[in-house]
Amino acid sequence: MIRDGAIADLSAEGRPPTLYAAQAPATSRFAPLAEGARVDVAVIGGGLAGLSTALHLARRGRTVAVLEAARVGAGASGRNGGQVHSGQRRDQAWLEAHVGAEDARRLWEFGEAAKALVRELAAGDPDGCHVAPGLLVGAHTDRLMHFFREDNERLSTRYGYPHEEVLEREEMAAALGTRRFVGGIRDRGAFHLDPYRFVLTIARAAAEAGATIHETTRATDIARAGSRWRVATAAGPALDAGTVVVAANGYLGRLEPRIAAHVLPLNNFIAVTERLPEDLFRSLIPGGEAGCDTRFVVRYWRPTHDGRISFGGGESTGAAFPADIASLVRPYLLEIYPQLSGVRLEYAWGGTLAVTPTRAPFVRRMEPGLYTACGFSGQGVGTAPFAGKVLADAIAGDTEALDVFSRLPVPRFPGGTRLRAPLLSLALWWFALRDRLG
C-alpha cells in the first residue's frame, strides 16, 4: 500500500470527519509554500512528531519550515483514540531482554517524561484538550493475567512506579462496566485526551515560537544539494535546508524508501456513540478512565467529556477505508458492551498509522542531516511528541536520548516494501483467529 499524502475524506474546510474536529473551535489555516525558501531545518509531516520537532527547534532559535501534505491534524495524529500510556509500546521485560537493563530503564524514564510533556503541551489549550486521568487494560486470558501480575511487580520493585494496580475479575467488571475480562490493570498515571485539539495546540505553539507551517504542500523528493538538502514539493517551490526531518508516518509513500522499509501503514477504525443517558454512561466506566484490551487486534475506548463512548476496533492494510465504518466497528463495541445494542453511532472514521516489525518506534538519524521519527505502532499520542523533542535535541547537538532510541531493534520488514503488506495481512488474519480462540 502506497500513501502519497492525499487524504480523501476531508471536508471543504480541511477537517477530518471526526467528533474531535466537529467540536474543535475554528482555527486559521496555514498557507501553502508559495516560493522557495532557505531554512535551518525542513520538517516533513504536520502531525504530533513533526510539529513537536518544529516547536522545540524554533524555541532554540532555529529557522524551521513544516511541510504538511494535507492539513495539520488531518492524519492519524488527529484521528486516534487519544490514549496516553505509560512506558513504551513494548513492556519492560521485553526491553530488558532486547536492549539491556540500562537502556530499558532510560526508556521507562522517557515514557514518564513523554507523559509530562503531553500534559505540558495540552495545557496550552483553553480546555486543556479535555485531559482525563486513568487507563484500564482488560486481560482476556488467565495467561495474560499472570503476565500482568509479573509486570506490576517489576514496575513496582525495579522501577518504583506506584500508580498501577492489578484488578481481579470482579474488580475489573465494576471498573469497566463489562464482564468480558478475567481481570486487568488500572494505571492511574496514564490518561486520555482529545487528540485533534492536542495537535492543533502544538501547531499553534510552534507557529508562535517562530516555526513556519505550510499546509497542502506535499513533499515529493529529498535530495542532497552539496552540504545541504533540497526538498521538492508537488506544487513546484522547494526548500533549501541544512537538515531534514521525515515525520510522515503512515503517509510516507515513496518519499524515502530507506525509512519505508521499516514501517507499514495500517488502517484502524473508530466509532462514537450518540450522547448517552447519564445513568447508562456512568455505569460503563464509573471512574472515567480509558479502556483497552490485550488482543493482537486491539479494542480501545474512552468516555468523552460530553457523555459518549469513543470505541476503536478493526484493522486493515488496504489503501481504502470501508464504505460503512460504523458497521465494521459495531460488533467490536457490542462484544465489550452488549448493553449498547440500541445506541446510535453518530460518528465513524478511519485513520492510517504506521507499525514496525517489533512495534518499537523508529527514531533515527538515517545519515548526517537526515532524521526520522515514525512507526509508533498505536502509542503515538505520548511517544510522538517526545520523539520530536528528542530529534530537536539531537539536531542541536545532544544525541543522548536519540542514541538510546537508535539501539531499539527495528528491522526492515521481510521482503521490503513489496511483501510487507501481504505478510502483515496474513499475520492480522492469524492473530485475529488466535484472539477468537483465546
Protein backbone atom coordinates (compact mmCIF):
# COMPACT_ATOMS: atom_id res chain seq x y z
CA MET A 1 0.00 0.00 0.00
CA ILE A 2 1.39 3.38 -1.00
CA ARG A 3 0.18 6.59 0.58
CA ASP A 4 1.16 9.82 -1.17
CA GLY A 5 -0.17 12.27 1.40
CA ALA A 6 -3.63 12.65 -0.09
CA ILE A 7 -6.48 12.22 2.40
CA ALA A 8 -9.77 11.84 0.57
CA ASP A 9 -12.29 12.29 3.38
CA LEU A 10 -11.53 15.86 4.47
CA SER A 11 -14.26 18.49 4.47
CA ALA A 12 -14.08 21.64 2.37
CA GLU A 13 -12.54 23.31 5.42
CA GLY A 14 -9.87 20.62 5.61
CA ARG A 15 -11.20 18.86 8.70
CA PRO A 16 -11.41 15.08 9.16
CA PRO A 17 -14.86 13.51 9.71
CA THR A 18 -14.38 13.03 13.44
CA LEU A 19 -16.15 14.03 16.61
CA TYR A 20 -12.98 15.84 17.60
CA ALA A 21 -13.00 18.06 14.51
CA ALA A 22 -16.73 18.72 14.82
CA GLN A 23 -16.21 20.02 18.35
CA ALA A 24 -12.97 21.91 17.77
CA PRO A 25 -13.04 25.71 17.64
CA ALA A 26 -12.45 27.40 14.31
CA THR A 27 -8.76 27.90 13.58
CA SER A 28 -6.87 29.84 10.93
CA ARG A 29 -5.19 27.78 8.24
CA PHE A 30 -1.55 27.82 7.27
CA ALA A 31 -0.67 28.93 3.75
CA PRO A 32 0.94 26.56 1.22
CA LEU A 33 4.58 27.04 0.32
CA ALA A 34 4.40 29.70 -2.41
CA GLU A 35 8.07 30.19 -3.22
CA GLY A 36 11.41 28.64 -2.48
CA ALA A 37 12.96 29.26 0.92
CA ARG A 38 16.16 28.58 2.83
CA VAL A 39 15.83 27.22 6.38
CA ASP A 40 17.90 25.51 9.01
CA VAL A 41 15.52 22.55 9.23
CA ALA A 42 12.76 21.23 6.96
CA VAL A 43 10.20 19.01 8.71
CA ILE A 44 8.01 16.78 6.53
CA GLY A 45 4.73 15.96 8.24
CA GLY A 46 2.38 18.15 10.28
CA GLY A 47 1.42 15.57 12.90
CA LEU A 48 2.50 15.18 16.50
CA ALA A 49 6.11 14.18 15.80
CA GLY A 50 6.78 16.78 13.13
CA LEU A 51 5.13 19.67 14.93
CA SER A 52 6.87 18.85 18.20
CA THR A 53 10.21 18.77 16.38
CA ALA A 54 9.44 22.17 14.87
CA LEU A 55 8.30 23.61 18.19
CA HIS A 56 11.38 22.56 20.11
CA LEU A 57 13.77 23.65 17.35
CA ALA A 58 12.06 27.03 16.99
CA ARG A 59 12.38 27.55 20.73
CA ARG A 60 16.12 27.01 20.26
CA GLY A 61 16.22 29.77 17.66
CA ARG A 62 16.42 27.59 14.55
CA THR A 63 14.55 28.55 11.37
CA VAL A 64 12.11 25.73 10.68
CA ALA A 65 9.57 25.06 7.93
CA VAL A 66 6.96 22.29 8.24
CA LEU A 67 5.52 20.80 5.05
CA GLU A 68 2.12 19.14 5.56
CA ALA A 69 0.58 17.38 2.57
CA ALA A 70 -3.00 17.88 3.78
CA ARG A 71 -3.98 19.82 6.91
CA VAL A 72 -2.46 19.86 10.37
CA GLY A 73 -4.02 17.02 12.36
CA ALA A 74 -5.75 15.51 9.33
CA GLY A 75 -3.89 12.20 9.62
CA ALA A 76 -3.58 9.72 12.47
CA SER A 77 -2.38 12.40 14.90
CA GLY A 78 -5.85 13.93 14.94
CA ARG A 79 -7.93 10.78 14.44
CA ASN A 80 -6.69 8.37 17.11
CA GLY A 81 -8.12 7.04 20.36
CA GLY A 82 -6.47 9.72 22.48
CA GLN A 83 -4.86 7.34 24.98
CA VAL A 84 -1.51 8.16 26.63
CA HIS A 85 0.07 5.02 28.07
CA SER A 86 2.95 4.61 30.49
CA GLY A 87 6.27 3.30 29.25
CA GLN A 88 6.93 2.26 25.67
CA ARG A 89 4.88 0.20 23.24
CA ARG A 90 6.76 -2.90 24.41
CA ASP A 91 6.79 -3.89 28.09
CA GLN A 92 9.84 -3.54 30.30
CA ALA A 93 10.63 -7.27 30.32
CA TRP A 94 10.87 -7.23 26.52
CA LEU A 95 13.02 -4.11 26.60
CA GLU A 96 15.34 -5.55 29.23
CA ALA A 97 15.80 -8.67 27.11
CA HIS A 98 16.46 -6.76 23.87
CA VAL A 99 18.39 -3.64 24.88
CA GLY A 100 19.62 -4.41 28.40
CA ALA A 101 18.68 -3.14 31.82
CA GLU A 102 20.28 0.30 31.49
CA ASP A 103 18.58 1.25 28.23
CA ALA A 104 15.32 -0.30 29.42
CA ARG A 105 15.39 2.00 32.45
CA ARG A 106 16.13 5.02 30.27
CA LEU A 107 13.22 4.13 28.00
CA TRP A 108 10.92 3.88 31.02
CA GLU A 109 12.12 7.31 32.11
CA PHE A 110 11.48 8.60 28.60
CA GLY A 111 7.92 7.27 28.84
CA GLU A 112 7.37 9.20 32.06
CA ALA A 113 8.91 12.32 30.51
CA ALA A 114 6.65 11.86 27.48
CA LYS A 115 3.54 11.90 29.67
CA ALA A 116 4.75 15.05 31.39
CA LEU A 117 5.42 16.69 28.02
CA VAL A 118 1.93 15.85 26.76
CA ARG A 119 0.37 17.41 29.86
CA GLU A 120 2.56 20.49 29.49
CA LEU A 121 1.66 20.97 25.83
CA ALA A 122 -2.04 20.21 26.34
CA ALA A 123 -2.22 22.96 28.94
CA GLY A 124 -1.85 25.43 26.07
CA ASP A 125 -5.44 24.67 25.01
CA PRO A 126 -8.19 26.68 26.77
CA ASP A 127 -9.94 23.41 27.67
CA GLY A 128 -6.72 21.52 28.38
CA CYS A 129 -7.50 19.22 25.44
CA HIS A 130 -10.04 17.56 27.78
CA VAL A 131 -7.34 15.56 29.58
CA ALA A 132 -8.89 12.91 31.85
CA PRO A 133 -6.97 10.54 34.16
CA GLY A 134 -6.63 6.78 34.14
CA LEU A 135 -6.34 3.73 31.90
CA LEU A 136 -7.86 0.26 32.39
CA VAL A 137 -6.37 -2.66 30.46
CA GLY A 138 -8.51 -5.79 30.35
CA ALA A 139 -6.96 -9.26 30.13
CA HIS A 140 -8.96 -11.80 28.16
CA THR A 141 -6.96 -14.89 29.27
CA ASP A 142 -5.54 -16.21 32.54
CA ARG A 143 -2.11 -16.33 30.93
CA LEU A 144 -2.23 -12.59 30.39
CA MET A 145 -3.31 -12.05 33.98
CA HIS A 146 -0.19 -13.92 35.03
CA PHE A 147 1.84 -11.55 32.86
CA PHE A 148 0.08 -8.52 34.38
CA ARG A 149 0.98 -9.66 37.89
CA GLU A 150 4.63 -10.15 36.94
CA ASP A 151 4.75 -6.82 35.13
CA ASN A 152 3.11 -4.99 38.02
CA GLU A 153 5.68 -6.46 40.39
CA ARG A 154 8.52 -5.41 38.07
CA LEU A 155 7.25 -1.84 37.73
CA SER A 156 6.76 -1.52 41.46
CA THR A 157 10.04 -3.01 42.67
CA ARG A 158 12.52 -2.27 39.87
CA TYR A 159 11.14 0.98 38.51
CA GLY A 160 9.46 2.47 41.58
CA TYR A 161 6.19 3.09 39.75
CA PRO A 162 3.37 3.44 42.32
CA HIS A 163 0.40 4.22 40.07
CA GLU A 164 -0.51 0.77 38.72
CA GLU A 165 -2.60 -1.91 40.43
CA VAL A 166 -3.85 -5.35 39.42
CA LEU A 167 -7.62 -5.79 39.32
CA GLU A 168 -9.20 -9.23 39.66
CA ARG A 169 -12.26 -10.33 37.70
CA GLU A 170 -14.97 -8.69 39.83
CA GLU A 171 -12.95 -5.53 40.35
CA MET A 172 -12.40 -5.20 36.61
CA ALA A 173 -16.08 -5.79 35.87
CA ALA A 174 -17.02 -2.99 38.26
CA ALA A 175 -14.39 -0.63 36.86
CA LEU A 176 -15.20 -1.19 33.17
CA GLY A 177 -18.91 -1.97 33.25
CA THR A 178 -18.39 -5.26 31.41
CA ARG A 179 -17.77 -8.87 32.40
CA ARG A 180 -15.79 -9.58 29.27
CA PHE A 181 -12.41 -9.80 31.02
CA VAL A 182 -10.83 -12.16 33.54
CA GLY A 183 -9.13 -9.20 35.21
CA GLY A 184 -6.70 -6.48 34.29
CA ILE A 185 -4.76 -3.48 35.49
CA ARG A 186 -5.55 0.10 36.38
CA ASP A 187 -2.87 2.68 35.59
CA ARG A 188 -3.65 5.91 37.41
CA GLY A 189 -0.59 7.54 35.86
CA ALA A 190 -1.90 7.17 32.32
CA PHE A 191 -4.60 9.40 30.85
CA HIS A 192 -6.60 10.28 27.74
CA LEU A 193 -7.44 13.44 25.81
CA ASP A 194 -8.87 14.95 22.62
CA PRO A 195 -6.06 14.30 20.11
CA TYR A 196 -7.24 16.76 17.45
CA ARG A 197 -7.25 19.66 19.89
CA PHE A 198 -3.85 18.43 21.06
CA VAL A 199 -2.21 18.53 17.63
CA LEU A 200 -3.76 21.94 16.86
CA THR A 201 -2.42 23.21 20.18
CA ILE A 202 1.12 22.09 19.32
CA ALA A 203 0.83 23.65 15.86
CA ARG A 204 -0.22 26.96 17.38
CA ALA A 205 2.66 26.83 19.87
CA ALA A 206 5.15 26.02 17.10
CA ALA A 207 3.95 28.94 14.98
CA GLU A 208 4.11 31.29 17.97
CA ALA A 209 7.68 30.12 18.62
CA GLY A 210 8.64 31.10 15.06
CA ALA A 211 8.23 27.94 13.00
CA THR A 212 6.62 28.33 9.59
CA ILE A 213 3.92 25.76 8.76
CA HIS A 214 2.80 25.13 5.19
CA GLU A 215 -0.38 23.10 4.67
CA THR A 216 -1.47 21.43 1.40
CA THR A 217 2.22 21.24 0.48
CA ARG A 218 3.28 17.70 -0.33
CA ALA A 219 6.99 16.89 -0.34
CA THR A 220 7.88 14.78 -3.38
CA ASP A 221 11.65 14.39 -3.21
CA ILE A 222 14.57 14.79 -0.83
CA ALA A 223 17.98 15.16 -2.45
CA ARG A 224 21.45 16.21 -1.46
CA ALA A 225 22.46 19.67 -2.69
CA GLY A 226 26.13 19.96 -1.78
CA SER A 227 26.35 20.06 2.01
CA ARG A 228 22.63 20.86 2.29
CA TRP A 229 19.33 19.33 1.16
CA ARG A 230 16.71 20.23 -1.43
CA VAL A 231 13.13 19.25 -0.58
CA ALA A 232 10.93 19.42 -3.67
CA THR A 233 7.14 19.80 -3.47
CA ALA A 234 4.27 18.81 -5.74
CA ALA A 235 3.38 22.43 -6.48
CA GLY A 236 6.91 23.39 -7.53
CA PRO A 237 8.55 25.52 -4.80
CA ALA A 238 11.37 23.85 -2.89
CA LEU A 239 13.10 24.20 0.45
CA ASP A 240 16.86 24.55 0.83
CA ALA A 241 17.56 23.05 4.25
CA GLY A 242 20.58 22.23 6.32
CA THR A 243 18.71 19.34 7.99
CA VAL A 244 15.61 17.33 7.07
CA VAL A 245 13.26 15.53 9.46
CA VAL A 246 10.87 12.99 7.92
CA ALA A 247 7.79 12.53 10.12
CA ALA A 248 5.19 11.42 7.58
CA ASN A 249 4.48 8.10 9.36
CA GLY A 250 1.67 6.18 7.59
CA TYR A 251 1.68 8.64 4.69
CA LEU A 252 5.35 8.32 3.83
CA GLY A 253 4.70 6.66 0.47
CA ARG A 254 7.74 6.52 -1.80
CA LEU A 255 9.36 9.65 -0.40
CA GLU A 256 12.21 7.86 1.43
CA PRO A 257 12.46 4.09 0.72
CA ARG A 258 15.07 3.53 3.43
CA ILE A 259 12.56 4.62 6.05
CA ALA A 260 9.57 2.96 4.38
CA ALA A 261 11.27 -0.44 4.62
CA HIS A 262 10.94 -0.30 8.41
CA VAL A 263 7.32 0.86 8.73
CA LEU A 264 3.98 -0.34 7.41
CA PRO A 265 0.82 1.76 7.04
CA LEU A 266 -2.07 0.18 8.93
CA ASN A 267 -5.68 1.37 8.95
CA ASN A 268 -7.63 1.47 12.18
CA PHE A 269 -11.25 2.47 12.78
CA ILE A 270 -13.22 4.37 15.42
CA ALA A 271 -16.93 4.94 16.02
CA VAL A 272 -18.52 7.25 18.59
CA THR A 273 -21.92 6.83 20.16
CA GLU A 274 -24.57 9.45 20.48
CA ARG A 275 -24.72 11.15 23.87
CA LEU A 276 -25.77 8.51 26.36
CA PRO A 277 -28.29 8.82 29.21
CA GLU A 278 -26.45 9.83 32.35
CA ASP A 279 -27.15 6.61 34.26
CA LEU A 280 -26.03 4.42 31.35
CA PHE A 281 -22.91 6.50 30.74
CA ARG A 282 -21.84 6.38 34.40
CA SER A 283 -22.47 2.64 34.62
CA LEU A 284 -19.92 1.86 31.90
CA ILE A 285 -16.72 3.34 33.31
CA PRO A 286 -17.57 4.94 36.67
CA GLY A 287 -14.04 6.29 37.15
CA GLY A 288 -13.88 7.94 33.74
CA GLU A 289 -10.76 6.06 32.64
CA ALA A 290 -9.95 4.98 29.12
CA GLY A 291 -10.01 1.27 28.36
CA CYS A 292 -8.30 -1.22 26.07
CA ASP A 293 -7.72 -4.95 25.88
CA THR A 294 -4.82 -7.33 25.31
CA ARG A 295 -5.80 -8.77 21.95
CA PHE A 296 -3.50 -8.52 18.96
CA VAL A 297 -6.29 -6.79 17.02
CA VAL A 298 -6.80 -4.42 19.91
CA ARG A 299 -10.04 -2.80 21.08
CA TYR A 300 -9.71 0.56 22.77
CA TRP A 301 -12.27 3.02 24.07
CA ARG A 302 -12.80 6.01 26.29
CA PRO A 303 -15.59 8.17 27.64
CA THR A 304 -15.70 11.63 26.09
CA HIS A 305 -16.15 14.85 28.02
CA ASP A 306 -19.72 15.21 26.69
CA GLY A 307 -21.09 11.77 27.64
CA ARG A 308 -20.30 9.47 24.72
CA ILE A 309 -18.19 6.38 24.24
CA SER A 310 -15.48 6.54 21.58
CA PHE A 311 -14.59 2.99 20.53
CA GLY A 312 -11.84 1.70 18.25
CA GLY A 313 -11.78 -1.74 16.65
CA GLY A 314 -10.83 -3.40 13.38
CA GLU A 315 -7.72 -3.07 11.25
CA SER A 316 -6.85 -3.34 7.57
CA THR A 317 -3.87 -2.84 5.29
CA GLY A 318 -5.76 -1.77 2.16
CA ALA A 319 -5.43 1.67 0.59
CA ALA A 320 -9.15 2.43 1.02
CA PHE A 321 -11.44 2.53 4.05
CA PRO A 322 -14.69 0.50 4.20
CA ALA A 323 -17.79 2.29 2.97
CA ASP A 324 -19.63 1.69 6.26
CA ILE A 325 -17.13 2.06 9.08
CA ALA A 326 -19.81 2.16 11.78
CA SER A 327 -20.99 -1.32 10.79
CA LEU A 328 -17.41 -2.56 10.91
CA VAL A 329 -16.79 -1.23 14.43
CA ARG A 330 -20.21 -2.01 15.97
CA PRO A 331 -19.58 -5.76 16.56
CA TYR A 332 -16.37 -4.96 18.45
CA LEU A 333 -18.24 -2.43 20.58
CA LEU A 334 -21.08 -4.83 21.36
CA GLU A 335 -18.62 -7.59 22.21
CA ILE A 336 -17.48 -5.43 25.13
CA TYR A 337 -20.72 -3.56 25.84
CA PRO A 338 -23.78 -5.53 24.70
CA GLN A 339 -25.90 -3.06 26.68
CA LEU A 340 -25.23 -0.51 23.91
CA SER A 341 -27.03 -2.55 21.24
CA GLY A 342 -29.74 0.06 20.76
CA VAL A 343 -27.44 3.05 20.77
CA ARG A 344 -26.84 5.05 17.60
CA LEU A 345 -23.28 5.56 16.35
CA GLU A 346 -23.11 9.22 15.46
CA TYR A 347 -19.55 9.42 14.11
CA ALA A 348 -17.29 6.86 12.45
CA TRP A 349 -13.95 7.24 10.70
CA GLY A 350 -10.70 5.57 9.79
CA GLY A 351 -7.09 6.58 10.24
CA THR A 352 -3.75 5.36 8.96
CA LEU A 353 -1.00 4.81 11.48
CA ALA A 354 2.34 3.04 10.98
CA VAL A 355 3.70 -0.07 12.69
CA THR A 356 7.16 -1.60 12.80
CA PRO A 357 8.06 -5.32 12.86
CA THR A 358 8.88 -5.19 16.58
CA ARG A 359 6.33 -2.44 17.46
CA ALA A 360 9.25 -0.34 18.74
CA PRO A 361 9.34 3.23 17.37
CA PHE A 362 11.71 4.01 14.51
CA VAL A 363 13.52 7.16 15.70
CA ARG A 364 16.84 7.50 13.90
CA ARG A 365 19.46 9.57 12.18
CA MET A 366 19.49 7.96 8.74
CA GLU A 367 22.63 9.83 7.70
CA PRO A 368 24.18 13.18 8.61
CA GLY A 369 21.46 15.81 8.33
CA LEU A 370 18.57 13.37 7.74
CA TYR A 371 16.39 12.21 10.64
CA THR A 372 13.12 10.36 11.08
CA ALA A 373 10.53 9.66 13.77
CA CYS A 374 7.76 7.23 12.84
CA GLY A 375 6.34 3.74 13.42
CA PHE A 376 4.78 4.46 16.81
CA SER A 377 2.56 1.37 16.42
CA GLY A 378 -0.52 2.72 18.13
CA GLN A 379 1.17 4.56 21.00
CA GLY A 380 1.98 7.81 19.23
CA VAL A 381 -0.03 10.26 21.33
CA GLY A 382 2.61 10.16 24.04
CA THR A 383 5.66 8.88 22.17
CA ALA A 384 5.50 11.04 19.03
CA PRO A 385 5.71 14.47 20.70
CA PHE A 386 8.57 13.23 22.87
CA ALA A 387 10.33 11.78 19.81
CA GLY A 388 10.06 15.22 18.21
CA LYS A 389 11.82 16.75 21.20
CA VAL A 390 14.46 14.00 21.04
CA LEU A 391 15.18 14.85 17.40
CA ALA A 392 15.30 18.58 18.16
CA ASP A 393 17.81 17.92 20.94
CA ALA A 394 19.91 15.74 18.63
CA ILE A 395 19.93 18.33 15.86
CA ALA A 396 21.06 20.88 18.46
CA GLY A 397 23.93 18.58 19.47
CA ASP A 398 22.53 16.50 22.37
CA THR A 399 22.20 12.96 20.98
CA GLU A 400 21.95 11.07 24.30
CA ALA A 401 18.23 10.21 24.04
CA LEU A 402 18.39 9.58 20.29
CA ASP A 403 21.23 7.12 20.85
CA VAL A 404 19.02 5.11 23.22
CA PHE A 405 16.11 5.02 20.75
CA SER A 406 18.54 4.07 17.96
CA ARG A 407 19.52 0.92 19.85
CA LEU A 408 15.93 -0.37 19.80
CA PRO A 409 15.69 -3.28 17.36
CA VAL A 410 13.57 -2.14 14.41
CA PRO A 411 14.48 -4.38 11.44
CA ARG A 412 13.26 -3.98 7.89
CA PHE A 413 10.08 -5.83 7.00
CA PRO A 414 10.85 -9.16 5.30
CA GLY A 415 10.67 -8.73 1.56
CA GLY A 416 10.91 -4.94 1.76
CA THR A 417 8.01 -2.70 0.79
CA ARG A 418 6.60 -5.19 -1.74
CA LEU A 419 5.91 -8.06 0.67
CA ARG A 420 5.33 -6.22 3.95
CA ALA A 421 1.59 -5.59 3.34
CA PRO A 422 0.70 -9.17 2.25
CA LEU A 423 2.70 -10.61 5.14
CA LEU A 424 1.02 -8.34 7.67
CA SER A 425 -2.41 -9.10 6.23
CA LEU A 426 -1.69 -12.79 6.78
CA ALA A 427 -0.44 -12.01 10.30
CA LEU A 428 -3.59 -10.00 11.08
CA TRP A 429 -5.74 -12.93 9.99
CA TRP A 430 -3.70 -15.40 12.06
CA PHE A 431 -3.68 -13.31 15.22
CA ALA A 432 -7.36 -12.46 14.85
CA LEU A 433 -8.02 -16.20 14.74
CA ARG A 434 -5.92 -16.66 17.88
CA ASP A 435 -7.89 -13.84 19.53
CA ARG A 436 -11.16 -15.60 18.76
CA LEU A 437 -9.87 -18.92 20.04
CA GLY A 438 -8.48 -17.33 23.22
